[in-house]
Amino acid sequence: MIKKESFFKKHPFFWWMFRQYIVFFVGTYMLYYSVYYILYSQQMINWERFSRLAFELIPYTNFLFIGILIISRTIDKSILTLTKAIKRVANGDFSTRISIQQSTPFQDVAHDFDRMVNELSQVQTLRDDFINQFSHEFKTPVTSIQGFVQLLRNDSLSSEQKELYLDTITKEARRLEQLANNVMVLTALEGQEIVIEKEEFDLTEQIRQATISAYPILEQKNIQLELDLAPLTYFGNPQLLMHVWNNLLSNALKFTEEHGHISIKAWRENQGIKVSFTNDGPLIPAEQLSRLFDKFYQEDKTGIREGLGLGLSIVKRALLLSNGSIEIDSNPTIKTRFTVTLDTKKE
């Protein structure tokens, strides 16, 4: 036997309204009689006069309750709309928006809610894009490694071919390792909002230390490295800035051709510090400069440059946490130059 739902269960608002009326009505008359006893005890009013006054106030009490009920109903609708919208967003529907036409305090809440959902939608889009790009970047070297492993199973390969394939596998494995490290670094940086651990350190010496690990590649490609570093100290987080120098130098080495030239300069300007990394590799088209800091950004496949991966995204985030900024210039006169600015006024 199916049990029928009661009227109040089907219509919870009427149950709420009935309860509010009872509470309001009883509470009002308790207040009236409390006032009566206070006045009666002071011999300021008699029972007949107070009873007549109380009954005369019944219509006014009802009108007052109806007014409060109308206001409460408006608020209740707004709360119900907001509750439903929150549930939809919690289920992943980021197209949800709140439309409140009446001029109520909830208009500001609705506006803030819509702005929050817009931001969540953007974050979700970036997250999905990041996952897709990471999957692609991760899959490429894995596929390459698998292919060369299959080729190495061929017993007819010469020693030179085997050595070539093993070198390729090693390079792809290193690429995977670098990709994983960069993802972990960038994830850690994006999880930070402020930098607590700061100290004064020798910025010039730090840049010199960053170049030491580059010497094997410099010699291999016969690249000339020029250093012009003024004596500089900086109050900040050394680890964050080391990420900046390592990635900018790695980027310069990647795109500088054999027998090329890389220049690193550091100087104090006004109330800040400037550090520039210049290489004479292929120029970057002007329309692509603004996108170089995007995660896994790949330039046109017909171009002569490779993708910049996560390195420049790490640079941008680390500088943001270090009160710094970066600019890119790429033209035939100065070649390609990345200029970092560190604000010493906030030290």
C-alpha atoms as a PDB file:
ATOM      1  CA  MET A   1       0.000   0.000   0.000  1.00  0.00           C
ATOM      2  CA  ILE A   2       1.412   3.354  -1.053  1.00  0.00           C
ATOM      3  CA  LYS A   3       1.325   5.930   1.677  1.00  0.00           C
ATOM      4  CA  LYS A   4       0.142   9.318   0.468  1.00  0.00           C
ATOM      5  CA  GLU A   5       2.206  12.366   1.323  1.00  0.00           C
ATOM      6  CA  SER A   6       0.529  14.974   3.486  1.00  0.00           C
ATOM      7  CA  PHE A   7      -0.335  18.409   2.128  1.00  0.00           C
ATOM      8  CA  PHE A   8       2.423  20.061   4.165  1.00  0.00           C
ATOM      9  CA  LYS A   9       5.067  17.635   2.883  1.00  0.00           C
ATOM     10  CA  LYS A  10       4.087  18.416  -0.681  1.00  0.00           C
ATOM     11  CA  HIS A  11       4.022  22.129   0.045  1.00  0.00           C
ATOM     12  CA  PRO A  12       6.697  22.871   2.663  1.00  0.00           C
ATOM     13  CA  PHE A  13       6.263  26.620   2.294  1.00  0.00           C
ATOM     14  CA  PHE A  14       2.679  26.482   3.616  1.00  0.00           C
ATOM     15  CA  TRP A  15       3.861  24.424   6.593  1.00  0.00           C
ATOM     16  CA  TRP A  16       6.569  26.985   7.227  1.00  0.00           C
ATOM     17  CA  MET A  17       4.009  29.813   6.875  1.00  0.00           C
ATOM     18  CA  PHE A  18       1.604  28.116   9.319  1.00  0.00           C
ATOM     19  CA  ARG A  19       4.329  27.636  11.911  1.00  0.00           C
ATOM     20  CA  GLN A  20       5.495  31.219  11.529  1.00  0.00           C
ATOM     21  CA  TYR A  21       1.960  32.509  11.963  1.00  0.00           C
ATOM     22  CA  ILE A  22       1.402  30.509  15.145  1.00  0.00           C
ATOM     23  CA  VAL A  23       4.739  31.620  16.588  1.00  0.00           C
ATOM     24  CA  PHE A  24       4.133  35.229  15.577  1.00  0.00           C
ATOM     25  CA  PHE A  25       0.524  35.318  16.826  1.00  0.00           C
ATOM     26  CA  VAL A  26       1.250  33.646  20.180  1.00  0.00           C
ATOM     27  CA  GLY A  27       4.407  35.670  20.664  1.00  0.00           C
ATOM     28  CA  THR A  28       2.600  38.931  19.953  1.00  0.00           C
ATOM     29  CA  TYR A  29      -0.162  38.242  22.460  1.00  0.00           C
ATOM     30  CA  MET A  30       2.303  37.061  25.074  1.00  0.00           C
ATOM     31  CA  LEU A  31       3.986  40.412  24.596  1.00  0.00           C
ATOM     32  CA  TYR A  32       0.624  42.203  24.901  1.00  0.00           C
ATOM     33  CA  TYR A  33      -0.248  40.423  28.145  1.00  0.00           C
ATOM     34  CA  SER A  34       3.203  40.968  29.560  1.00  0.00           C
ATOM     35  CA  VAL A  35       2.733  44.683  28.969  1.00  0.00           C
ATOM     36  CA  TYR A  36      -0.737  44.467  30.518  1.00  0.00           C
ATOM     37  CA  TYR A  37       0.524  42.941  33.755  1.00  0.00           C
ATOM     38  CA  ILE A  38       3.244  45.551  33.975  1.00  0.00           C
ATOM     39  CA  LEU A  39       0.727  48.375  33.478  1.00  0.00           C
ATOM     40  CA  TYR A  40      -1.930  46.722  35.690  1.00  0.00           C
ATOM     41  CA  SER A  41       0.504  46.326  38.520  1.00  0.00           C
ATOM     42  CA  GLN A  42       1.152  50.054  38.318  1.00  0.00           C
ATOM     43  CA  GLN A  43      -2.656  50.659  38.237  1.00  0.00           C
ATOM     44  CA  MET A  44      -2.330  52.370  34.854  1.00  0.00           C
ATOM     45  CA  ILE A  45      -4.950  50.246  33.004  1.00  0.00           C
ATOM     46  CA  ASN A  46      -7.812  47.847  33.745  1.00  0.00           C
ATOM     47  CA  TRP A  47      -8.569  44.448  32.244  1.00  0.00           C
ATOM     48  CA  GLU A  48     -11.627  45.454  30.183  1.00  0.00           C
ATOM     49  CA  ARG A  49      -9.819  48.308  28.543  1.00  0.00           C
ATOM     50  CA  PHE A  50      -6.740  46.200  27.771  1.00  0.00           C
ATOM     51  CA  SER A  51      -8.831  43.286  26.392  1.00  0.00           C
ATOM     52  CA  ARG A  52     -10.708  45.643  24.094  1.00  0.00           C
ATOM     53  CA  LEU A  53      -7.439  47.136  22.929  1.00  0.00           C
ATOM     54  CA  ALA A  54      -5.938  43.679  22.343  1.00  0.00           C
ATOM     55  CA  PHE A  55      -8.850  42.559  20.151  1.00  0.00           C
ATOM     56  CA  GLU A  56      -8.716  45.797  18.223  1.00  0.00           C
ATOM     57  CA  LEU A  57      -5.082  45.093  17.460  1.00  0.00           C
ATOM     58  CA  ILE A  58      -5.786  41.660  15.931  1.00  0.00           C
ATOM     59  CA  PRO A  59      -6.326  42.970  12.359  1.00  0.00           C
ATOM     60  CA  TYR A  60      -3.229  45.113  12.604  1.00  0.00           C
ATOM     61  CA  THR A  61      -1.275  42.098  13.834  1.00  0.00           C
ATOM     62  CA  ASN A  62      -2.467  40.073  10.864  1.00  0.00           C
ATOM     63  CA  PHE A  63      -1.562  42.834   8.433  1.00  0.00           C
ATOM     64  CA  LEU A  64       1.849  43.078  10.011  1.00  0.00           C
ATOM     65  CA  PHE A  65       2.322  39.322   9.698  1.00  0.00           C
ATOM     66  CA  ILE A  66       1.251  39.346   6.051  1.00  0.00           C
ATOM     67  CA  GLY A  67       3.775  42.103   5.339  1.00  0.00           C
ATOM     68  CA  ILE A  68       6.525  40.152   7.035  1.00  0.00           C
ATOM     69  CA  LEU A  69       5.372  37.032   5.187  1.00  0.00           C
ATOM     70  CA  ILE A  70       5.659  38.736   1.802  1.00  0.00           C
ATOM     71  CA  ILE A  71       9.173  39.928   2.592  1.00  0.00           C
ATOM     72  CA  SER A  72      10.111  36.485   3.922  1.00  0.00           C
ATOM     73  CA  ARG A  73       8.700  34.809   0.830  1.00  0.00           C
ATOM     74  CA  THR A  74      10.861  37.010  -1.405  1.00  0.00           C
ATOM     75  CA  ILE A  75      13.921  36.167   0.641  1.00  0.00           C
ATOM     76  CA  ASP A  76      12.938  32.496   0.666  1.00  0.00           C
ATOM     77  CA  LYS A  77      12.731  32.465  -3.144  1.00  0.00           C
ATOM     78  CA  SER A  78      16.156  34.065  -3.394  1.00  0.00           C
ATOM     79  CA  ILE A  79      17.656  31.544  -0.962  1.00  0.00           C
ATOM     80  CA  LEU A  80      16.020  28.656  -2.826  1.00  0.00           C
ATOM     81  CA  THR A  81      17.365  29.948  -6.160  1.00  0.00           C
ATOM     82  CA  LEU A  82      20.849  30.289  -4.700  1.00  0.00           C
ATOM     83  CA  THR A  83      20.685  26.809  -3.127  1.00  0.00           C
ATOM     84  CA  LYS A  84      19.676  25.185  -6.417  1.00  0.00           C
ATOM     85  CA  ALA A  85      22.426  27.047  -8.262  1.00  0.00           C
ATOM     86  CA  ILE A  86      25.043  25.935  -5.725  1.00  0.00           C
ATOM     87  CA  LYS A  87      23.953  22.301  -6.135  1.00  0.00           C
ATOM     88  CA  ARG A  88      24.246  22.545  -9.937  1.00  0.00           C
ATOM     89  CA  VAL A  89      27.727  24.037  -9.696  1.00  0.00           C
ATOM     90  CA  ALA A  90      28.722  21.360  -7.182  1.00  0.00           C
ATOM     91  CA  ASN A  91      27.674  18.783  -9.803  1.00  0.00           C
ATOM     92  CA  GLY A  92      29.988  20.386 -12.357  1.00  0.00           C
ATOM     93  CA  ASP A  93      27.574  22.636 -14.258  1.00  0.00           C
ATOM     94  CA  PHE A  94      29.614  25.826 -14.629  1.00  0.00           C
ATOM     95  CA  SER A  95      27.089  27.358 -17.027  1.00  0.00           C
ATOM     96  CA  THR A  96      24.802  28.062 -14.051  1.00  0.00           C
ATOM     97  CA  ARG A  97      23.911  31.717 -13.486  1.00  0.00           C
ATOM     98  CA  ILE A  98      21.536  33.380 -11.019  1.00  0.00           C
ATOM     99  CA  SER A  99      18.876  35.788 -12.244  1.00  0.00           C
ATOM    100  CA  ILE A 100      17.249  37.884  -9.492  1.00  0.00           C
ATOM    101  CA  GLN A 101      15.106  40.636 -10.959  1.00  0.00           C
ATOM    102  CA  GLN A 102      13.838  42.183  -7.736  1.00  0.00           C
ATOM    103  CA  SER A 103      15.913  44.792  -5.974  1.00  0.00           C
ATOM    104  CA  THR A 104      16.980  42.744  -2.938  1.00  0.00           C
ATOM    105  CA  PRO A 105      20.169  42.368  -0.911  1.00  0.00           C
ATOM    106  CA  PHE A 106      20.630  39.064  -2.754  1.00  0.00           C
ATOM    107  CA  GLN A 107      21.434  40.904  -5.980  1.00  0.00           C
ATOM    108  CA  ASP A 108      24.970  41.496  -4.707  1.00  0.00           C
ATOM    109  CA  VAL A 109      25.195  37.846  -3.628  1.00  0.00           C
ATOM    110  CA  ALA A 110      23.981  36.735  -7.073  1.00  0.00           C
ATOM    111  CA  HIS A 111      26.530  38.986  -8.795  1.00  0.00           C
ATOM    112  CA  ASP A 112      29.369  37.607  -6.650  1.00  0.00           C
ATOM    113  CA  PHE A 113      28.128  34.058  -7.257  1.00  0.00           C
ATOM    114  CA  ASP A 114      28.125  34.531 -11.032  1.00  0.00           C
ATOM    115  CA  ARG A 115      31.624  35.995 -10.898  1.00  0.00           C
ATOM    116  CA  MET A 116      32.814  33.049  -8.802  1.00  0.00           C
ATOM    117  CA  VAL A 117      31.309  30.562 -11.288  1.00  0.00           C
ATOM    118  CA  ASN A 118      33.007  32.394 -14.165  1.00  0.00           C
ATOM    119  CA  GLU A 119      36.357  32.038 -12.416  1.00  0.00           C
ATOM    120  CA  LEU A 120      35.694  28.365 -11.638  1.00  0.00           C
ATOM    121  CA  SER A 121      34.785  27.794 -15.278  1.00  0.00           C
ATOM    122  CA  GLN A 122      38.047  29.384 -16.406  1.00  0.00           C
ATOM    123  CA  VAL A 123      40.014  27.288 -13.915  1.00  0.00           C
ATOM    124  CA  GLN A 124      38.262  24.137 -15.127  1.00  0.00           C
ATOM    125  CA  THR A 125      39.028  25.035 -18.744  1.00  0.00           C
ATOM    126  CA  LEU A 126      42.684  25.653 -17.920  1.00  0.00           C
ATOM    127  CA  ARG A 127      42.822  22.409 -15.950  1.00  0.00           C
ATOM    128  CA  ASP A 128      41.338  20.374 -18.807  1.00  0.00           C
ATOM    129  CA  ASP A 129      43.642  22.082 -21.292  1.00  0.00           C
ATOM    130  CA  PHE A 130      46.649  21.412 -19.067  1.00  0.00           C
ATOM    131  CA  ILE A 131      45.762  17.728 -18.711  1.00  0.00           C
ATOM    132  CA  ASN A 132      45.292  17.338 -22.465  1.00  0.00           C
ATOM    133  CA  GLN A 133      48.562  19.097 -23.235  1.00  0.00           C
ATOM    134  CA  PHE A 134      50.457  17.188 -20.565  1.00  0.00           C
ATOM    135  CA  SER A 135      49.072  13.883 -21.876  1.00  0.00           C
ATOM    136  CA  HIS A 136      50.268  14.785 -25.358  1.00  0.00           C
ATOM    137  CA  GLU A 137      53.721  15.888 -24.169  1.00  0.00           C
ATOM    138  CA  PHE A 138      54.060  12.763 -22.019  1.00  0.00           C
ATOM    139  CA  LYS A 139      52.853  10.392 -24.719  1.00  0.00           C
ATOM    140  CA  THR A 140      55.280  11.596 -27.413  1.00  0.00           C
ATOM    141  CA  PRO A 141      58.557  10.477 -25.739  1.00  0.00           C
ATOM    142  CA  VAL A 142      56.951   7.289 -24.427  1.00  0.00           C
ATOM    143  CA  THR A 143      55.856   6.342 -27.949  1.00  0.00           C
ATOM    144  CA  SER A 144      59.331   7.144 -29.241  1.00  0.00           C
ATOM    145  CA  ILE A 145      60.994   4.977 -26.585  1.00  0.00           C
ATOM    146  CA  GLN A 146      58.655   2.089 -27.291  1.00  0.00           C
ATOM    147  CA  GLY A 147      59.393   2.329 -31.007  1.00  0.00           C
ATOM    148  CA  PHE A 148      63.169   2.253 -30.574  1.00  0.00           C
ATOM    149  CA  VAL A 149      62.946  -0.610 -28.071  1.00  0.00           C
ATOM    150  CA  GLN A 150      61.119  -2.646 -30.714  1.00  0.00           C
ATOM    151  CA  LEU A 151      63.811  -1.780 -33.267  1.00  0.00           C
ATOM    152  CA  LEU A 152      66.543  -2.922 -30.872  1.00  0.00           C
ATOM    153  CA  ARG A 153      65.008  -6.399 -30.844  1.00  0.00           C
ATOM    154  CA  ASN A 154      66.202  -6.783 -34.431  1.00  0.00           C
ATOM    155  CA  ASP A 155      69.370  -8.908 -34.314  1.00  0.00           C
ATOM    156  CA  SER A 156      70.508  -7.683 -37.726  1.00  0.00           C
ATOM    157  CA  LEU A 157      71.195  -4.145 -36.475  1.00  0.00           C
ATOM    158  CA  SER A 158      74.767  -2.935 -36.604  1.00  0.00           C
ATOM    159  CA  SER A 159      76.595  -1.675 -33.537  1.00  0.00           C
ATOM    160  CA  GLU A 160      76.358   1.898 -34.828  1.00  0.00           C
ATOM    161  CA  GLN A 161      72.594   1.645 -35.262  1.00  0.00           C
ATOM    162  CA  LYS A 162      72.147   0.162 -31.798  1.00  0.00           C
ATOM    163  CA  GLU A 163      74.252   2.957 -30.309  1.00  0.00           C
ATOM    164  CA  LEU A 164      72.182   5.559 -32.162  1.00  0.00           C
ATOM    165  CA  TYR A 165      68.902   4.069 -30.942  1.00  0.00           C
ATOM    166  CA  LEU A 166      70.172   3.835 -27.353  1.00  0.00           C
ATOM    167  CA  ASP A 167      71.235   7.489 -27.461  1.00  0.00           C
ATOM    168  CA  THR A 168      67.776   8.435 -28.681  1.00  0.00           C
ATOM    169  CA  ILE A 169      66.121   6.430 -25.905  1.00  0.00           C
ATOM    170  CA  THR A 170      68.381   8.130 -23.359  1.00  0.00           C
ATOM    171  CA  LYS A 171      67.451  11.592 -24.684  1.00  0.00           C
ATOM    172  CA  GLU A 172      63.728  10.805 -24.583  1.00  0.00           C
ATOM    173  CA  ALA A 173      64.066   9.430 -21.033  1.00  0.00           C
ATOM    174  CA  ARG A 174      65.789  12.642 -19.986  1.00  0.00           C
ATOM    175  CA  ARG A 175      63.012  14.616 -21.638  1.00  0.00           C
ATOM    176  CA  LEU A 176      60.452  12.673 -19.604  1.00  0.00           C
ATOM    177  CA  GLU A 177      62.424  13.323 -16.422  1.00  0.00           C
ATOM    178  CA  GLN A 178      62.641  17.042 -17.170  1.00  0.00           C
ATOM    179  CA  LEU A 179      58.932  17.166 -17.970  1.00  0.00           C
ATOM    180  CA  ALA A 180      58.042  15.488 -14.672  1.00  0.00           C
ATOM    181  CA  ASN A 181      60.363  17.773 -12.717  1.00  0.00           C
ATOM    182  CA  ASN A 182      58.960  20.885 -14.385  1.00  0.00           C
ATOM    183  CA  VAL A 183      55.381  19.820 -13.683  1.00  0.00           C
ATOM    184  CA  MET A 184      56.204  19.306 -10.000  1.00  0.00           C
ATOM    185  CA  VAL A 185      58.005  22.659  -9.783  1.00  0.00           C
ATOM    186  CA  LEU A 186      55.211  24.556 -11.535  1.00  0.00           C
ATOM    187  CA  THR A 187      52.539  22.855  -9.410  1.00  0.00           C
ATOM    188  CA  ALA A 188      54.409  23.848  -6.247  1.00  0.00           C
ATOM    189  CA  LEU A 189      54.814  27.446  -7.452  1.00  0.00           C
ATOM    190  CA  GLU A 190      51.171  27.788  -8.450  1.00  0.00           C
ATOM    191  CA  GLY A 191      50.181  26.550  -5.005  1.00  0.00           C
ATOM    192  CA  GLN A 192      51.995  29.499  -3.418  1.00  0.00           C
ATOM    193  CA  GLU A 193      50.470  32.943  -2.982  1.00  0.00           C
ATOM    194  CA  ILE A 194      53.177  34.582  -0.896  1.00  0.00           C
ATOM    195  CA  VAL A 195      56.830  33.886  -0.210  1.00  0.00           C
ATOM    196  CA  ILE A 196      57.737  33.719   3.469  1.00  0.00           C
ATOM    197  CA  GLU A 197      61.341  32.484   3.362  1.00  0.00           C
ATOM    198  CA  LYS A 198      63.404  35.450   2.207  1.00  0.00           C
ATOM    199  CA  GLU A 199      67.032  36.400   2.738  1.00  0.00           C
ATOM    200  CA  GLU A 200      69.653  38.694   1.316  1.00  0.00           C
ATOM    201  CA  PHE A 201      71.982  36.896  -1.067  1.00  0.00           C
ATOM    202  CA  ASP A 202      74.615  37.535  -3.736  1.00  0.00           C
ATOM    203  CA  LEU A 203      72.602  37.676  -6.943  1.00  0.00           C
ATOM    204  CA  THR A 204      75.679  38.005  -9.151  1.00  0.00           C
ATOM    205  CA  GLU A 205      77.258  34.846  -7.759  1.00  0.00           C
ATOM    206  CA  GLN A 206      73.965  32.978  -8.107  1.00  0.00           C
ATOM    207  CA  ILE A 207      73.818  33.759 -11.838  1.00  0.00           C
ATOM    208  CA  ARG A 208      77.438  32.619 -12.214  1.00  0.00           C
ATOM    209  CA  GLN A 209      76.590  29.340 -10.489  1.00  0.00           C
ATOM    210  CA  ALA A 210      73.663  28.839 -12.872  1.00  0.00           C
ATOM    211  CA  THR A 211      76.005  29.053 -15.871  1.00  0.00           C
ATOM    212  CA  ILE A 212      78.411  26.384 -14.587  1.00  0.00           C
ATOM    213  CA  SER A 213      76.085  23.490 -15.449  1.00  0.00           C
ATOM    214  CA  ALA A 214      75.760  24.861 -18.983  1.00  0.00           C
ATOM    215  CA  TYR A 215      79.445  24.511 -19.914  1.00  0.00           C
ATOM    216  CA  PRO A 216      79.185  20.964 -21.385  1.00  0.00           C
ATOM    217  CA  ILE A 217      76.487  22.115 -23.824  1.00  0.00           C
ATOM    218  CA  LEU A 218      78.365  25.337 -24.544  1.00  0.00           C
ATOM    219  CA  GLU A 219      81.444  23.361 -25.516  1.00  0.00           C
ATOM    220  CA  GLN A 220      79.463  20.774 -27.458  1.00  0.00           C
ATOM    221  CA  LYS A 221      77.759  23.435 -29.613  1.00  0.00           C
ATOM    222  CA  ASN A 222      80.748  25.823 -29.598  1.00  0.00           C
ATOM    223  CA  ILE A 223      78.598  28.603 -28.191  1.00  0.00           C
ATOM    224  CA  GLN A 224      80.286  31.716 -26.835  1.00  0.00           C
ATOM    225  CA  LEU A 225      78.941  32.842 -23.445  1.00  0.00           C
ATOM    226  CA  GLU A 226      79.464  36.474 -22.461  1.00  0.00           C
ATOM    227  CA  LEU A 227      78.889  37.577 -18.856  1.00  0.00           C
ATOM    228  CA  ASP A 228      78.615  41.239 -17.847  1.00  0.00           C
ATOM    229  CA  LEU A 229      77.434  41.158 -14.243  1.00  0.00           C
ATOM    230  CA  ALA A 230      77.562  44.097 -11.847  1.00  0.00           C
ATOM    231  CA  PRO A 231      78.018  43.314  -8.113  1.00  0.00           C
ATOM    232  CA  LEU A 232      74.430  42.898  -6.907  1.00  0.00           C
ATOM    233  CA  THR A 233      72.645  41.635  -3.824  1.00  0.00           C
ATOM    234  CA  TYR A 234      68.938  40.984  -3.523  1.00  0.00           C
ATOM    235  CA  PHE A 235      66.506  40.303  -0.679  1.00  0.00           C
ATOM    236  CA  GLY A 236      64.219  37.472  -1.726  1.00  0.00           C
ATOM    237  CA  ASN A 237      63.931  33.729  -2.119  1.00  0.00           C
ATOM    238  CA  PRO A 238      67.101  32.313  -3.749  1.00  0.00           C
ATOM    239  CA  GLN A 239      65.433  29.075  -4.862  1.00  0.00           C
ATOM    240  CA  LEU A 240      62.728  30.903  -6.804  1.00  0.00           C
ATOM    241  CA  LEU A 241      65.241  33.024  -8.707  1.00  0.00           C
ATOM    242  CA  MET A 242      67.474  30.038  -9.413  1.00  0.00           C
ATOM    243  CA  HIS A 243      64.497  28.540 -11.280  1.00  0.00           C
ATOM    244  CA  VAL A 244      64.380  31.743 -13.345  1.00  0.00           C
ATOM    245  CA  TRP A 245      68.067  31.742 -14.313  1.00  0.00           C
ATOM    246  CA  ASN A 246      68.202  27.996 -15.018  1.00  0.00           C
ATOM    247  CA  ASN A 247      65.182  28.056 -17.302  1.00  0.00           C
ATOM    248  CA  LEU A 248      66.167  31.212 -19.168  1.00  0.00           C
ATOM    249  CA  LEU A 249      69.653  29.830 -19.764  1.00  0.00           C
ATOM    250  CA  SER A 250      68.246  26.450 -20.804  1.00  0.00           C
ATOM    251  CA  ASN A 251      65.921  28.201 -23.242  1.00  0.00           C
ATOM    252  CA  ALA A 252      68.829  30.213 -24.713  1.00  0.00           C
ATOM    253  CA  LEU A 253      70.958  27.078 -25.119  1.00  0.00           C
ATOM    254  CA  LYS A 254      68.116  25.207 -26.793  1.00  0.00           C
ATOM    255  CA  PHE A 255      67.578  27.789 -29.523  1.00  0.00           C
ATOM    256  CA  THR A 256      71.111  29.039 -30.087  1.00  0.00           C
ATOM    257  CA  GLU A 257      72.692  27.331 -33.076  1.00  0.00           C
ATOM    258  CA  GLU A 258      76.235  25.988 -33.191  1.00  0.00           C
ATOM    259  CA  HIS A 259      78.958  28.644 -33.026  1.00  0.00           C
ATOM    260  CA  GLY A 260      76.325  31.049 -31.739  1.00  0.00           C
ATOM    261  CA  HIS A 261      76.478  33.646 -28.982  1.00  0.00           C
ATOM    262  CA  ILE A 262      74.686  34.062 -25.618  1.00  0.00           C
ATOM    263  CA  SER A 263      74.998  37.195 -23.500  1.00  0.00           C
ATOM    264  CA  ILE A 264      73.939  37.537 -19.853  1.00  0.00           C
ATOM    265  CA  LYS A 265      73.998  40.996 -18.281  1.00  0.00           C
ATOM    266  CA  ALA A 266      72.950  42.234 -14.843  1.00  0.00           C
ATOM    267  CA  TRP A 267      72.844  45.819 -13.616  1.00  0.00           C
ATOM    268  CA  ARG A 268      71.046  48.145 -11.226  1.00  0.00           C
ATOM    269  CA  GLU A 269      68.600  50.593 -12.775  1.00  0.00           C
ATOM    270  CA  ASN A 270      66.678  53.232 -10.800  1.00  0.00           C
ATOM    271  CA  GLN A 271      65.246  51.329  -7.803  1.00  0.00           C
ATOM    272  CA  GLY A 272      65.377  47.925  -9.399  1.00  0.00           C
ATOM    273  CA  ILE A 273      67.654  45.243 -10.827  1.00  0.00           C
ATOM    274  CA  LYS A 274      67.757  44.235 -14.490  1.00  0.00           C
ATOM    275  CA  VAL A 275      69.008  40.877 -15.794  1.00  0.00           C
ATOM    276  CA  SER A 276      68.977  40.129 -19.537  1.00  0.00           C
ATOM    277  CA  PHE A 277      69.533  36.884 -21.463  1.00  0.00           C
ATOM    278  CA  THR A 278      70.247  37.469 -25.167  1.00  0.00           C
ATOM    279  CA  ASN A 279      70.809  34.798 -27.833  1.00  0.00           C
ATOM    280  CA  ASP A 280      71.342  35.037 -31.587  1.00  0.00           C
ATOM    281  CA  GLY A 281      69.127  32.103 -32.473  1.00  0.00           C
ATOM    282  CA  PRO A 282      66.094  32.292 -34.800  1.00  0.00           C
ATOM    283  CA  LEU A 283      63.815  35.281 -34.171  1.00  0.00           C
ATOM    284  CA  ILE A 284      60.380  34.867 -32.625  1.00  0.00           C
ATOM    285  CA  PRO A 285      57.440  36.242 -34.657  1.00  0.00           C
ATOM    286  CA  ALA A 286      55.850  39.277 -32.963  1.00  0.00           C
ATOM    287  CA  GLU A 287      52.391  37.696 -32.842  1.00  0.00           C
ATOM    288  CA  GLN A 288      53.747  34.765 -30.809  1.00  0.00           C
ATOM    289  CA  LEU A 289      55.659  36.705 -28.139  1.00  0.00           C
ATOM    290  CA  SER A 290      52.660  37.072 -25.804  1.00  0.00           C
ATOM    291  CA  ARG A 291      52.018  33.305 -25.818  1.00  0.00           C
ATOM    292  CA  LEU A 292      55.506  32.093 -24.940  1.00  0.00           C
ATOM    293  CA  PHE A 293      54.637  31.829 -21.239  1.00  0.00           C
ATOM    294  CA  ASP A 294      51.614  29.581 -21.850  1.00  0.00           C
ATOM    295  CA  LYS A 295      51.995  26.046 -20.567  1.00  0.00           C
ATOM    296  CA  PHE A 296      53.206  23.618 -23.242  1.00  0.00           C
ATOM    297  CA  TYR A 297      52.969  26.335 -25.862  1.00  0.00           C
ATOM    298  CA  GLN A 298      53.987  25.039 -29.298  1.00  0.00           C
ATOM    299  CA  GLU A 299      54.678  27.413 -32.152  1.00  0.00           C
ATOM    300  CA  ASP A 300      53.564  26.815 -35.712  1.00  0.00           C
ATOM    301  CA  LYS A 301      54.808  23.422 -36.891  1.00  0.00           C
ATOM    302  CA  THR A 302      56.045  25.096 -40.034  1.00  0.00           C
ATOM    303  CA  GLY A 303      58.277  27.373 -37.965  1.00  0.00           C
ATOM    304  CA  ILE A 304      61.899  26.693 -37.182  1.00  0.00           C
ATOM    305  CA  ARG A 305      61.561  26.828 -33.400  1.00  0.00           C
ATOM    306  CA  GLU A 306      60.534  24.053 -31.036  1.00  0.00           C
ATOM    307  CA  GLY A 307      57.976  24.202 -28.248  1.00  0.00           C
ATOM    308  CA  LEU A 308      59.097  25.994 -25.091  1.00  0.00           C
ATOM    309  CA  GLY A 309      57.395  23.535 -22.730  1.00  0.00           C
ATOM    310  CA  LEU A 310      56.931  24.546 -19.108  1.00  0.00           C
ATOM    311  CA  GLY A 311      60.210  26.382 -18.547  1.00  0.00           C
ATOM    312  CA  LEU A 312      58.924  29.881 -19.293  1.00  0.00           C
ATOM    313  CA  SER A 313      55.716  29.237 -17.345  1.00  0.00           C
ATOM    314  CA  ILE A 314      57.924  28.483 -14.335  1.00  0.00           C
ATOM    315  CA  VAL A 315      59.895  31.684 -14.993  1.00  0.00           C
ATOM    316  CA  LYS A 316      56.753  33.807 -15.084  1.00  0.00           C
ATOM    317  CA  ARG A 317      55.281  32.307 -11.894  1.00  0.00           C
ATOM    318  CA  ALA A 318      58.568  32.495  -9.963  1.00  0.00           C
ATOM    319  CA  LEU A 319      58.976  36.159 -10.903  1.00  0.00           C
ATOM    320  CA  LEU A 320      55.409  36.932  -9.895  1.00  0.00           C
ATOM    321  CA  LEU A 321      56.168  35.528  -6.436  1.00  0.00           C
ATOM    322  CA  SER A 322      59.442  37.505  -6.346  1.00  0.00           C
ATOM    323  CA  ASN A 323      57.940  40.928  -7.127  1.00  0.00           C
ATOM    324  CA  GLY A 324      59.458  40.727 -10.575  1.00  0.00           C
ATOM    325  CA  SER A 325      58.481  40.846 -14.232  1.00  0.00           C
ATOM    326  CA  ILE A 326      59.874  39.829 -17.611  1.00  0.00           C
ATOM    327  CA  GLU A 327      59.845  41.317 -21.108  1.00  0.00           C
ATOM    328  CA  ILE A 328      60.733  39.755 -24.465  1.00  0.00           C
ATOM    329  CA  ASP A 329      62.207  41.504 -27.498  1.00  0.00           C
ATOM    330  CA  SER A 330      63.023  39.719 -30.728  1.00  0.00           C
ATOM    331  CA  ASN A 331      64.199  41.663 -33.766  1.00  0.00           C
ATOM    332  CA  PRO A 332      67.170  41.689 -36.160  1.00  0.00           C
ATOM    333  CA  THR A 333      68.901  44.469 -34.208  1.00  0.00           C
ATOM    334  CA  ILE A 334      69.075  42.970 -30.713  1.00  0.00           C
ATOM    335  CA  LYS A 335      68.236  39.358 -31.664  1.00  0.00           C
ATOM    336  CA  THR A 336      66.149  37.616 -28.967  1.00  0.00           C
ATOM    337  CA  ARG A 337      66.371  39.091 -25.468  1.00  0.00           C
ATOM    338  CA  PHE A 338      64.580  38.199 -22.237  1.00  0.00           C
ATOM    339  CA  THR A 339      64.846  41.009 -19.662  1.00  0.00           C
ATOM    340  CA  VAL A 340      64.004  40.362 -16.013  1.00  0.00           C
ATOM    341  CA  THR A 341      63.164  43.249 -13.684  1.00  0.00           C
ATOM    342  CA  LEU A 342      63.338  42.798  -9.907  1.00  0.00           C
ATOM    343  CA  ASP A 343      61.745  45.520  -7.788  1.00  0.00           C
ATOM    344  CA  THR A 344      64.064  46.361  -4.889  1.00  0.00           C
ATOM    345  CA  LYS A 345      61.604  48.893  -3.439  1.00  0.00           C
ATOM    346  CA  LYS A 346      59.652  45.984  -1.943  1.00  0.00           C
ATOM    347  CA  GLU A 347      62.645  44.387  -0.313  1.00  0.00           C
END
